[in-house]
Protein backbone atom coordinates (compact mmCIF):
# COMPACT_ATOMS: atom_id res chain seq x y z
CA UNK A 1 55.02 2.66 19.85
CA UNK A 2 58.43 2.90 21.72
CA UNK A 3 59.35 1.18 24.83
CA UNK A 4 61.54 3.43 27.10
CA UNK A 5 65.28 2.06 28.11
CA UNK A 6 64.03 1.99 31.62
CA UNK A 7 61.31 -0.26 31.00
CA UNK A 8 63.37 -2.66 29.35
CA UNK A 9 66.18 -2.63 31.90
CA UNK A 10 63.46 -3.13 34.29
CA UNK A 11 62.66 -6.20 32.25
CA UNK A 12 66.16 -7.35 32.67
CA UNK A 13 66.70 -6.75 28.72
CA UNK A 14 69.10 -4.60 26.79
CA UNK A 15 68.04 -1.31 25.37
CA UNK A 16 67.06 -1.34 21.81
CA UNK A 17 64.59 0.85 19.87
CA UNK A 18 61.10 -0.68 19.91
CA UNK A 19 59.88 1.00 16.66
CA UNK A 20 57.60 0.02 13.96
CA UNK A 21 53.82 0.10 13.08
CA UNK A 22 51.42 -1.48 15.39
CA UNK A 23 49.56 -4.01 13.23
CA UNK A 24 47.52 -5.70 15.96
CA UNK A 25 43.57 -5.20 15.71
CA UNK A 26 43.60 -4.29 19.19
CA UNK A 27 46.44 -1.65 18.70
CA UNK A 28 47.86 -2.89 21.91
CA UNK A 29 51.38 -2.84 20.60
CA UNK A 30 51.70 -6.56 20.66
CA UNK A 31 53.12 -6.65 17.04
CA UNK A 32 55.34 -3.80 15.75
CA UNK A 33 56.24 -4.13 11.97
CA UNK A 34 59.28 -2.28 10.46
CA UNK A 35 59.72 -2.53 6.57
CA UNK A 36 63.47 -2.96 5.98
CA UNK A 37 63.06 -3.39 2.08
CA UNK A 38 59.79 -3.11 0.18
CA UNK A 39 58.27 -5.80 -1.73
CA UNK A 40 56.89 -5.85 -5.35
CA UNK A 41 53.37 -5.92 -6.60
CA UNK A 42 50.10 -5.15 -4.77
CA UNK A 43 48.91 -8.53 -3.93
CA UNK A 44 48.93 -9.70 -0.17
CA UNK A 45 48.94 -13.31 1.11
CA UNK A 46 45.08 -14.58 2.12
CA UNK A 47 44.19 -16.85 4.80
CA UNK A 48 44.99 -20.30 3.89
CA UNK A 49 47.61 -19.46 1.67
CA UNK A 50 50.92 -21.46 1.58
CA UNK A 51 53.62 -18.81 2.22
CA UNK A 52 57.49 -19.66 1.82
CA UNK A 53 59.97 -17.38 3.93
CA UNK A 54 63.22 -17.24 5.47
CA UNK A 55 63.59 -15.63 9.03
CA UNK A 56 66.02 -15.01 11.78
CA UNK A 57 64.75 -14.96 15.43
CA UNK A 58 66.51 -13.43 18.30
CA UNK A 59 65.81 -12.23 21.93
CA UNK A 60 66.09 -8.56 22.98
CA UNK A 61 69.82 -9.05 24.17
CA UNK A 62 70.55 -10.14 20.47
CA UNK A 63 70.83 -13.87 21.16
CA UNK A 64 69.88 -15.83 18.10
CA UNK A 65 67.57 -18.66 18.86
CA UNK A 66 66.56 -19.81 15.27
CA UNK A 67 67.31 -19.29 11.78
CA UNK A 68 65.92 -21.03 8.41
CA UNK A 69 69.07 -19.26 6.90
CA UNK A 70 71.44 -21.19 8.93
CA UNK A 71 69.40 -24.24 7.73
CA UNK A 72 69.64 -23.15 4.13
CA UNK A 73 65.96 -24.10 3.64
CA UNK A 74 62.94 -21.72 3.44
CA UNK A 75 60.11 -22.34 5.82
CA UNK A 76 56.48 -22.76 4.72
CA UNK A 77 53.05 -22.72 6.48
CA UNK A 78 49.51 -21.93 5.74
CA UNK A 79 48.72 -18.42 6.81
CA UNK A 80 46.05 -17.94 9.59
CA UNK A 81 45.59 -21.40 10.29
CA UNK A 82 47.41 -21.39 13.72
CA UNK A 83 50.50 -23.32 12.64
CA UNK A 84 52.78 -20.49 13.82
CA UNK A 85 52.53 -17.78 16.37
CA UNK A 86 50.12 -14.96 16.19
CA UNK A 87 52.61 -12.29 15.42
CA UNK A 88 53.59 -14.48 12.32
CA UNK A 89 50.03 -15.00 11.11
CA UNK A 90 49.44 -11.05 11.59
CA UNK A 91 52.67 -10.04 10.32
CA UNK A 92 53.18 -11.90 7.28
CA UNK A 93 49.65 -11.23 6.22
CA UNK A 94 50.72 -7.60 5.50
CA UNK A 95 53.65 -8.56 3.46
CA UNK A 96 54.27 -8.54 -0.32
CA UNK A 97 56.63 -10.79 -2.28
CA UNK A 98 60.35 -9.76 -1.85
CA UNK A 99 59.66 -7.75 1.34
CA UNK A 100 62.00 -7.80 4.30
CA UNK A 101 60.71 -6.74 7.60
CA UNK A 102 61.40 -6.79 11.36
CA UNK A 103 58.60 -7.92 13.73
CA UNK A 104 58.86 -7.21 17.46
CA UNK A 105 56.63 -9.64 18.95
CA UNK A 106 55.23 -9.24 22.90
CA UNK A 107 54.79 -12.69 24.75
CA UNK A 108 50.99 -12.68 24.21
CA UNK A 109 51.69 -12.76 20.40
CA UNK A 110 54.58 -15.42 20.78
CA UNK A 111 55.14 -18.06 23.31
CA UNK A 112 53.36 -16.50 26.47
CA UNK A 113 54.32 -16.96 29.93
CA UNK A 114 55.36 -20.59 29.12
CA UNK A 115 57.98 -19.48 26.50
CA UNK A 116 59.66 -22.34 24.55
CA UNK A 117 62.50 -23.91 26.55
CA UNK A 118 65.33 -24.38 26.65
CA UNK A 119 66.13 -21.37 24.00
CA UNK A 120 62.99 -19.04 24.55
CA UNK A 121 62.53 -17.93 28.30
CA UNK A 122 58.92 -17.37 29.89
CA UNK A 123 57.46 -13.83 28.79
CA UNK A 124 60.09 -13.11 26.35
CA UNK A 125 59.55 -10.37 23.84
CA UNK A 126 60.98 -11.52 20.39
CA UNK A 127 62.51 -9.96 17.12
CA UNK A 128 62.02 -11.76 13.68
CA UNK A 129 63.67 -10.60 10.61
CA UNK A 130 61.24 -12.18 7.86
CA UNK A 131 61.60 -12.30 4.15
CA UNK A 132 58.71 -13.26 1.97
CA UNK A 133 59.68 -15.32 -1.28
CA UNK A 134 56.18 -16.53 -2.28
CA UNK A 135 52.76 -17.51 -1.59
CA UNK A 136 49.82 -19.54 -3.42
CA UNK A 137 46.28 -20.57 -2.64
CA UNK A 138 45.21 -23.98 -1.00
CA UNK A 139 44.85 -26.63 -3.39
CA UNK A 140 41.56 -28.39 -2.51
CA UNK A 141 41.18 -30.58 -5.86
CA UNK A 142 40.73 -34.08 -5.39
CA UNK A 143 44.34 -35.04 -7.10
CA UNK A 144 45.91 -32.00 -5.40
CA UNK A 145 47.22 -30.89 -8.88
CA UNK A 146 46.02 -27.30 -8.78
CA UNK A 147 42.61 -27.95 -10.12
CA UNK A 148 40.94 -25.91 -7.52
CA UNK A 149 42.71 -23.22 -5.72
CA UNK A 150 41.05 -21.50 -2.67
CA UNK A 151 41.94 -18.22 -1.36
CA UNK A 152 40.11 -17.26 1.92
CA UNK A 153 38.91 -13.31 1.79
CA UNK A 154 36.83 -13.90 4.97
CA UNK A 155 37.19 -16.74 7.44
CA UNK A 156 34.12 -18.63 8.26
CA UNK A 157 32.82 -19.92 11.59
CA UNK A 158 33.24 -23.13 13.26
CA UNK A 159 34.67 -26.27 11.70
CA UNK A 160 31.38 -27.95 10.28
CA UNK A 161 31.35 -28.04 6.41
CA UNK A 162 28.58 -28.82 3.98
CA UNK A 163 28.32 -32.54 3.04
CA UNK A 164 26.89 -34.48 0.12
CA UNK A 165 23.16 -33.57 -0.04
CA UNK A 166 23.42 -30.57 2.31
CA UNK A 167 20.98 -27.67 1.64
CA UNK A 168 23.17 -24.58 1.02
CA UNK A 169 22.51 -20.87 0.60
CA UNK A 170 25.40 -18.95 -1.38
CA UNK A 171 25.98 -15.81 -3.29
CA UNK A 172 28.27 -16.37 -6.19
CA UNK A 173 30.09 -14.42 -9.07
CA UNK A 174 31.90 -16.26 -11.87
CA UNK A 175 34.24 -14.59 -14.07
CA UNK A 176 36.32 -15.80 -17.13
CA UNK A 177 39.03 -13.86 -18.57
CA UNK A 178 37.66 -10.87 -16.48
CA UNK A 179 34.32 -10.87 -17.58
CA UNK A 180 31.51 -11.62 -15.28
CA UNK A 181 29.36 -14.24 -16.54
CA UNK A 182 27.36 -15.43 -13.39
CA UNK A 183 26.01 -13.61 -10.57
CA UNK A 184 23.34 -15.32 -8.46
CA UNK A 185 22.16 -15.71 -5.03
CA UNK A 186 21.22 -19.71 -4.67
CA UNK A 187 19.53 -22.19 -2.34
CA UNK A 188 20.08 -25.65 -3.46
CA UNK A 189 21.24 -29.14 -2.28
CA UNK A 190 24.59 -30.29 -3.09
CA UNK A 191 24.44 -32.78 -6.05
CA UNK A 192 22.08 -30.57 -7.87
CA UNK A 193 24.37 -28.01 -9.14
CA UNK A 194 24.49 -29.11 -12.63
CA UNK A 195 20.94 -28.39 -12.98
CA UNK A 196 21.70 -25.03 -12.00
CA UNK A 197 24.44 -24.83 -14.69
CA UNK A 198 27.15 -24.77 -12.15
CA UNK A 199 30.33 -26.70 -12.78
CA UNK A 200 31.37 -29.37 -10.71
CA UNK A 201 34.15 -27.39 -9.13
CA UNK A 202 31.52 -25.20 -7.43
CA UNK A 203 29.96 -27.87 -5.39
CA UNK A 204 33.31 -29.09 -4.52
CA UNK A 205 34.38 -25.54 -3.44
CA UNK A 206 31.46 -25.09 -1.31
CA UNK A 207 31.81 -28.59 0.39
CA UNK A 208 35.51 -27.05 1.61
CA UNK A 209 33.89 -24.06 3.20
CA UNK A 210 32.65 -22.97 6.63
CA UNK A 211 29.63 -20.86 7.30
CA UNK A 212 30.15 -17.27 6.59
CA UNK A 213 33.22 -17.94 4.71
CA UNK A 214 33.91 -15.78 1.63
CA UNK A 215 36.63 -17.06 -0.74
CA UNK A 216 38.04 -16.92 -4.27
CA UNK A 217 38.49 -20.33 -6.28
CA UNK A 218 40.34 -20.71 -9.61
CA UNK A 219 39.40 -23.58 -11.34
CA UNK A 220 40.97 -25.42 -14.06
CA UNK A 221 38.74 -26.71 -17.10
CA UNK A 222 38.39 -30.30 -15.51
CA UNK A 223 36.30 -28.76 -12.76
CA UNK A 224 34.80 -25.91 -15.08
CA UNK A 225 33.01 -26.72 -18.24
CA UNK A 226 35.66 -28.87 -19.69
CA UNK A 227 36.73 -28.84 -23.35
CA UNK A 228 33.13 -28.49 -24.49
CA UNK A 229 32.56 -25.07 -22.75
CA UNK A 230 29.25 -23.80 -21.96
CA UNK A 231 27.11 -22.08 -24.57
CA UNK A 232 24.56 -20.27 -22.29
CA UNK A 233 27.41 -18.36 -20.59
CA UNK A 234 29.41 -18.06 -23.71
CA UNK A 235 32.26 -20.03 -22.04
CA UNK A 236 34.78 -21.56 -24.67
CA UNK A 237 36.27 -24.76 -24.05
CA UNK A 238 39.45 -25.58 -22.06
CA UNK A 239 38.63 -22.27 -19.95
CA UNK A 240 39.78 -21.53 -16.36
CA UNK A 241 37.07 -20.12 -14.39
CA UNK A 242 37.31 -17.98 -11.25
CA UNK A 243 34.48 -17.88 -8.86
CA UNK A 244 33.96 -15.56 -5.72
CA UNK A 245 31.47 -17.38 -3.44
CA UNK A 246 29.98 -16.70 0.02
CA UNK A 247 28.55 -19.41 1.98
CA UNK A 248 25.66 -17.80 3.88
CA UNK A 249 24.15 -20.72 5.60
CA UNK A 250 23.81 -24.51 5.42
CA UNK A 251 22.22 -27.58 6.67
CA UNK A 252 23.91 -30.72 6.60
CA UNK A 253 22.38 -33.96 5.25
CA UNK A 254 21.99 -36.56 7.72
CA UNK A 255 25.03 -38.87 8.07
CA UNK A 256 24.70 -42.60 8.16
CA UNK A 257 25.46 -42.74 11.59
CA UNK A 258 22.86 -40.20 12.53
CA UNK A 259 19.99 -42.37 11.02
CA UNK A 260 18.39 -45.45 12.39
CA UNK A 261 17.51 -48.32 9.98
CA UNK A 262 14.03 -46.98 9.35
CA UNK A 263 15.13 -43.62 8.36
CA UNK A 264 17.75 -44.97 6.17
CA UNK A 265 15.09 -46.88 4.19
CA UNK A 266 12.95 -43.91 3.92
CA UNK A 267 15.59 -41.42 2.62
CA UNK A 268 16.96 -44.11 0.42
CA UNK A 269 13.48 -44.39 -1.27
CA UNK A 270 13.11 -40.70 -1.55
CA UNK A 271 16.82 -40.24 -3.16
CA UNK A 272 16.10 -43.34 -5.48
CA UNK A 273 13.03 -41.36 -7.03
CA UNK A 274 15.04 -38.05 -7.13
CA UNK A 275 17.77 -40.14 -9.00
CA UNK A 276 15.24 -41.82 -11.46
CA UNK A 277 14.25 -38.32 -12.31
CA UNK A 278 17.44 -37.03 -13.05
CA UNK A 279 18.24 -40.02 -15.07
CA UNK A 280 15.06 -39.51 -17.25
CA UNK A 281 16.17 -35.95 -17.82
CA UNK A 282 19.49 -37.30 -19.06
CA UNK A 283 21.41 -35.82 -16.06
CA UNK A 284 23.39 -38.99 -15.36
CA UNK A 285 26.05 -37.26 -12.79
CA UNK A 286 23.39 -36.01 -10.55
CA UNK A 287 21.51 -39.27 -10.57
CA UNK A 288 24.54 -41.39 -9.87
CA UNK A 289 25.15 -38.75 -6.49
CA UNK A 290 21.77 -39.80 -5.49
CA UNK A 291 22.38 -43.68 -6.00
CA UNK A 292 25.74 -43.39 -4.22
CA UNK A 293 23.96 -42.19 -1.16
CA UNK A 294 21.80 -45.30 -1.06
CA UNK A 295 24.68 -47.32 -1.09
CA UNK A 296 26.71 -45.41 1.77
CA UNK A 297 23.62 -45.61 4.05
CA UNK A 298 22.88 -49.14 3.62
CA UNK A 299 26.06 -51.02 2.66
CA UNK A 300 27.24 -51.54 6.49
CA UNK A 301 23.75 -52.18 8.03
CA UNK A 302 23.85 -55.45 10.12
CA UNK A 303 21.60 -57.21 12.50
CA UNK A 304 18.49 -56.32 10.87
CA UNK A 305 14.98 -57.91 10.81
CA UNK A 306 13.94 -60.27 7.99
CA UNK A 307 11.60 -57.64 6.68
CA UNK A 308 14.31 -54.84 6.84
CA UNK A 309 16.92 -57.11 5.37
CA UNK A 310 14.74 -57.82 2.37
CA UNK A 311 14.08 -53.82 2.07
CA UNK A 312 17.67 -52.88 1.98
CA UNK A 313 18.80 -55.57 -0.34
CA UNK A 314 16.14 -54.61 -3.01
CA UNK A 315 17.41 -50.74 -2.36
CA UNK A 316 21.12 -51.50 -2.57
CA UNK A 317 20.69 -53.96 -5.68
CA UNK A 318 18.64 -51.10 -7.34
CA UNK A 319 21.29 -48.40 -6.67
CA UNK A 320 24.26 -50.61 -8.09
CA UNK A 321 22.12 -51.47 -11.19
CA UNK A 322 21.31 -47.87 -11.70
CA UNK A 323 24.81 -46.95 -10.99
CA UNK A 324 25.91 -49.28 -13.65
CA UNK A 325 23.66 -47.71 -16.05
CA UNK A 326 24.63 -44.11 -15.07
CA UNK A 327 28.48 -45.01 -15.56
CA UNK A 328 27.63 -46.73 -19.19
CA UNK A 329 25.94 -43.47 -20.36
CA UNK A 330 28.96 -41.45 -18.92
CA UNK A 331 31.43 -43.74 -20.71
CA UNK A 332 32.89 -44.97 -17.64
CA UNK A 333 32.93 -48.69 -18.11
CA UNK A 334 35.36 -49.56 -15.23
CA UNK A 335 32.93 -48.03 -12.81
CA UNK A 336 29.93 -49.64 -14.36
CA UNK A 337 31.80 -53.02 -14.02
CA UNK A 338 32.60 -52.64 -10.40
CA UNK A 339 28.71 -51.87 -9.70
CA UNK A 340 27.68 -54.81 -11.88
CA UNK A 341 30.16 -57.13 -9.86
CA UNK A 342 28.57 -55.76 -6.52
CA UNK A 343 24.90 -56.52 -7.98
CA UNK A 344 26.01 -59.91 -9.01
CA UNK A 345 27.38 -60.49 -5.44
CA UNK A 346 23.81 -59.93 -4.30
CA UNK A 347 22.01 -61.92 -6.98
CA UNK A 348 24.37 -64.07 -9.09
CA UNK A 349 21.95 -64.58 -11.90
CA UNK A 350 20.46 -60.82 -12.21
CA UNK A 351 19.54 -60.44 -15.89
CA UNK A 352 20.23 -56.58 -15.83
CA UNK A 353 23.39 -57.14 -13.99
CA UNK A 354 24.72 -59.37 -16.58
CA UNK A 355 23.60 -57.74 -19.31
CA UNK A 356 25.28 -54.28 -18.12
CA UNK A 357 28.57 -56.12 -17.12
CA UNK A 358 28.71 -57.34 -20.67
CA UNK A 359 28.19 -53.66 -21.82
CA UNK A 360 30.87 -52.51 -19.67
CA UNK A 361 33.39 -55.21 -20.82
CA UNK A 362 32.51 -54.59 -24.36
CA UNK A 363 33.26 -50.85 -23.74
CA UNK A 364 36.62 -51.90 -22.40
CA UNK A 365 37.14 -54.19 -25.57
CA UNK A 366 37.17 -57.42 -23.48
CA UNK A 367 35.14 -58.94 -26.45
CA UNK A 368 35.61 -62.64 -25.01
CA UNK A 369 34.63 -61.78 -21.65
CA UNK A 370 31.66 -59.78 -22.69
CA UNK A 371 30.53 -62.66 -24.96
CA UNK A 372 30.47 -65.08 -21.77
CA UNK A 373 28.27 -62.57 -20.00
CA UNK A 374 25.74 -62.14 -22.93
CA UNK A 375 25.67 -65.85 -23.45
CA UNK A 376 24.82 -66.40 -19.94
CA UNK A 377 21.94 -64.04 -20.34
CA UNK A 378 20.56 -65.92 -23.24
CA UNK A 379 20.82 -69.12 -21.38
CA UNK A 380 18.86 -67.99 -18.24
CA UNK A 381 16.49 -65.70 -20.12
CA UNK A 382 16.15 -67.18 -23.54
CA UNK A 383 13.64 -64.08 -24.64
CA UNK A 384 16.21 -61.67 -24.27
CA UNK A 385 16.71 -60.78 -28.04
CA UNK A 386 19.19 -57.82 -27.15
CA UNK A 387 21.64 -60.53 -25.55
CA UNK A 388 21.54 -62.61 -28.63
CA UNK A 389 22.28 -59.55 -30.77
CA UNK A 390 25.26 -58.42 -28.34
CA UNK A 391 26.51 -62.21 -28.48
CA UNK A 392 26.72 -62.03 -32.45
CA UNK A 393 28.27 -58.45 -32.29
CA UNK A 394 31.05 -59.86 -29.72
CA UNK A 395 31.84 -62.82 -32.28
CA UNK A 396 32.14 -60.22 -34.94
CA UNK A 397 34.54 -58.16 -32.82
CA UNK A 398 36.42 -61.15 -31.75
CA UNK A 399 36.81 -62.16 -35.58
CA UNK A 400 38.01 -58.78 -36.37
CA UNK A 401 40.68 -58.67 -33.88
CA UNK A 402 41.76 -62.26 -34.66
CA UNK A 403 42.20 -61.13 -38.21
CA UNK A 404 43.91 -57.83 -37.16
CA UNK A 405 46.14 -60.04 -35.05
CA UNK A 406 47.01 -62.34 -37.71
CA UNK A 407 48.16 -59.15 -40.05
CA UNK A 408 50.38 -57.78 -37.19
CA UNK A 409 51.81 -61.24 -36.54
CA UNK A 410 52.36 -61.72 -40.30
CA UNK A 411 53.94 -58.43 -40.70
CA UNK A 412 56.09 -59.41 -37.71
CA UNK A 413 57.18 -62.34 -38.94
CA UNK A 414 57.99 -60.96 -42.23
CA UNK A 415 60.34 -58.35 -40.72
CA UNK A 416 61.81 -61.09 -38.75
CA UNK A 417 62.59 -63.23 -42.02
CA UNK A 418 63.78 -60.04 -43.70
CA UNK A 419 66.06 -59.18 -40.76
CA UNK A 420 67.30 -62.73 -40.58
CA UNK A 421 67.73 -62.99 -44.43
CA UNK A 422 69.78 -59.62 -44.20
CA UNK A 423 71.97 -60.78 -41.44
CA UNK A 424 72.59 -63.91 -43.17
CA UNK A 425 73.45 -62.02 -46.35
CA UNK A 426 75.79 -59.92 -44.50
CA UNK A 427 77.48 -62.89 -42.89
CA UNK A 428 78.11 -64.60 -46.15
CA UNK A 429 79.48 -61.22 -47.58
CA UNK A 430 81.61 -61.37 -44.67
CA UNK A 431 82.57 -64.92 -44.90
CA UNK A 432 83.27 -64.48 -48.59
CA UNK A 433 85.75 -61.45 -48.14
CA UNK A 434 87.51 -63.50 -45.43
CA UNK A 435 87.76 -66.37 -47.93
CA UNK A 436 88.87 -64.06 -50.62
CA UNK A 437 91.70 -62.45 -48.29
CA UNK A 438 92.64 -66.02 -47.34
CA UNK A 439 93.27 -67.03 -51.03
CA UNK A 440 95.21 -63.75 -51.44
CA UNK A 441 97.28 -64.60 -48.81
CA UNK A 442 98.02 -68.13 -50.12
CA UNK A 443 98.82 -66.89 -53.40
CA UNK A 444 101.10 -64.06 -51.96
CA UNK A 445 102.89 -66.98 -49.68
CA UNK A 446 102.97 -69.34 -52.70
CA UNK A 447 104.81 -66.65 -54.72
CA UNK A 448 107.22 -65.90 -52.02
CA UNK A 449 108.00 -69.68 -51.74
CA UNK A 450 108.65 -70.00 -55.39
CA UNK A 451 110.96 -66.99 -55.29
CA UNK A 452 112.82 -68.59 -52.57
CA UNK A 453 113.15 -71.75 -54.52
CA UNK A 454 114.43 -70.11 -57.56
CA UNK A 455 117.07 -68.10 -55.32
CA UNK A 456 118.16 -71.27 -53.92
């Protein structure tokens, strides 16, 4: 599409060729793209990708109003998220790495009737020269270390996303080294994925999606099947996985603020039973998810009746005790310790809390502290034979540690003694050499004196 010189003149702008491919969906000529240098490869940026570009922006009369090249710093933004003008979201999405192009942008795809004072006047058509250097997907992992990278194929609707416990309906396709190993349509609750042989990364991915969204996710082993792999799907250890997921529909689980106290207590009892069932099946991660929900619902409740206060305390105490046991099974003693401490804040002499805290401390090799907890259990609950056995085991570990420390210190002192002896020996040698040298000088001086006397 080309605007005539007369049309440009009527707008008070210099005549320049308005040429290029119309890349707008409406085909209204709002954004014209002219490729000045072809890029490489076949891959294009996707919605949500972080892109890195250089650009030079000018008005139709050639006036430069902005340039990343002048600043000698590439500009980056997330594509399709409305962080830049519409023309850029449209134009950069069509570019390959290394491509250099010109974008001619009408006001409705740029800064509109308001412009961007003082450099861009109202209703201005803008020209951008853009070069694409790199792009990569959005990192949605907890640590933001590339654990889960998302690339959106089709953007979803709205802003709501599934939460913990949400009922979701998805289609998914899992691949490893180009081989499709899992292709299913599923309906399940977030938190139950492991029972369906889904890696933890899939649920985290779904919780970042909007309804109707389709996206590609690349998951490092930590968010896949770890170093153990998965025999059912024939996935080796330390494998990177790719999942294409389409979130067809979901219903959010009620958040804490959406429920009254009665509803929270009812729901807590339901998920407590669900967690217990998971625990019996050896699914400790899923069990912990359920118990965490109880804590999140009830920990900040206040102004309760005496009856509700009693019910919430019983549920919270059970949740912390069960979480501690889950984390002990998962060999995460620090988190087990944290939940035992919270349980003991509610009941300072609770037998299970003291015993499990002792187990957590033992797992952390804090044998003295662990022994103190187990001894406390034997004092309060003399019939607890397991605690007595643990006291004896702690004593054994303490003695072993003491003997080990003695050997370490003995070796250390021996090394110090050997070092001091060596230093002393070297010093004595130096002292002896100095004395011998002094004696030689004395003899030499004596000979000189005798020679002088003889001469005299």
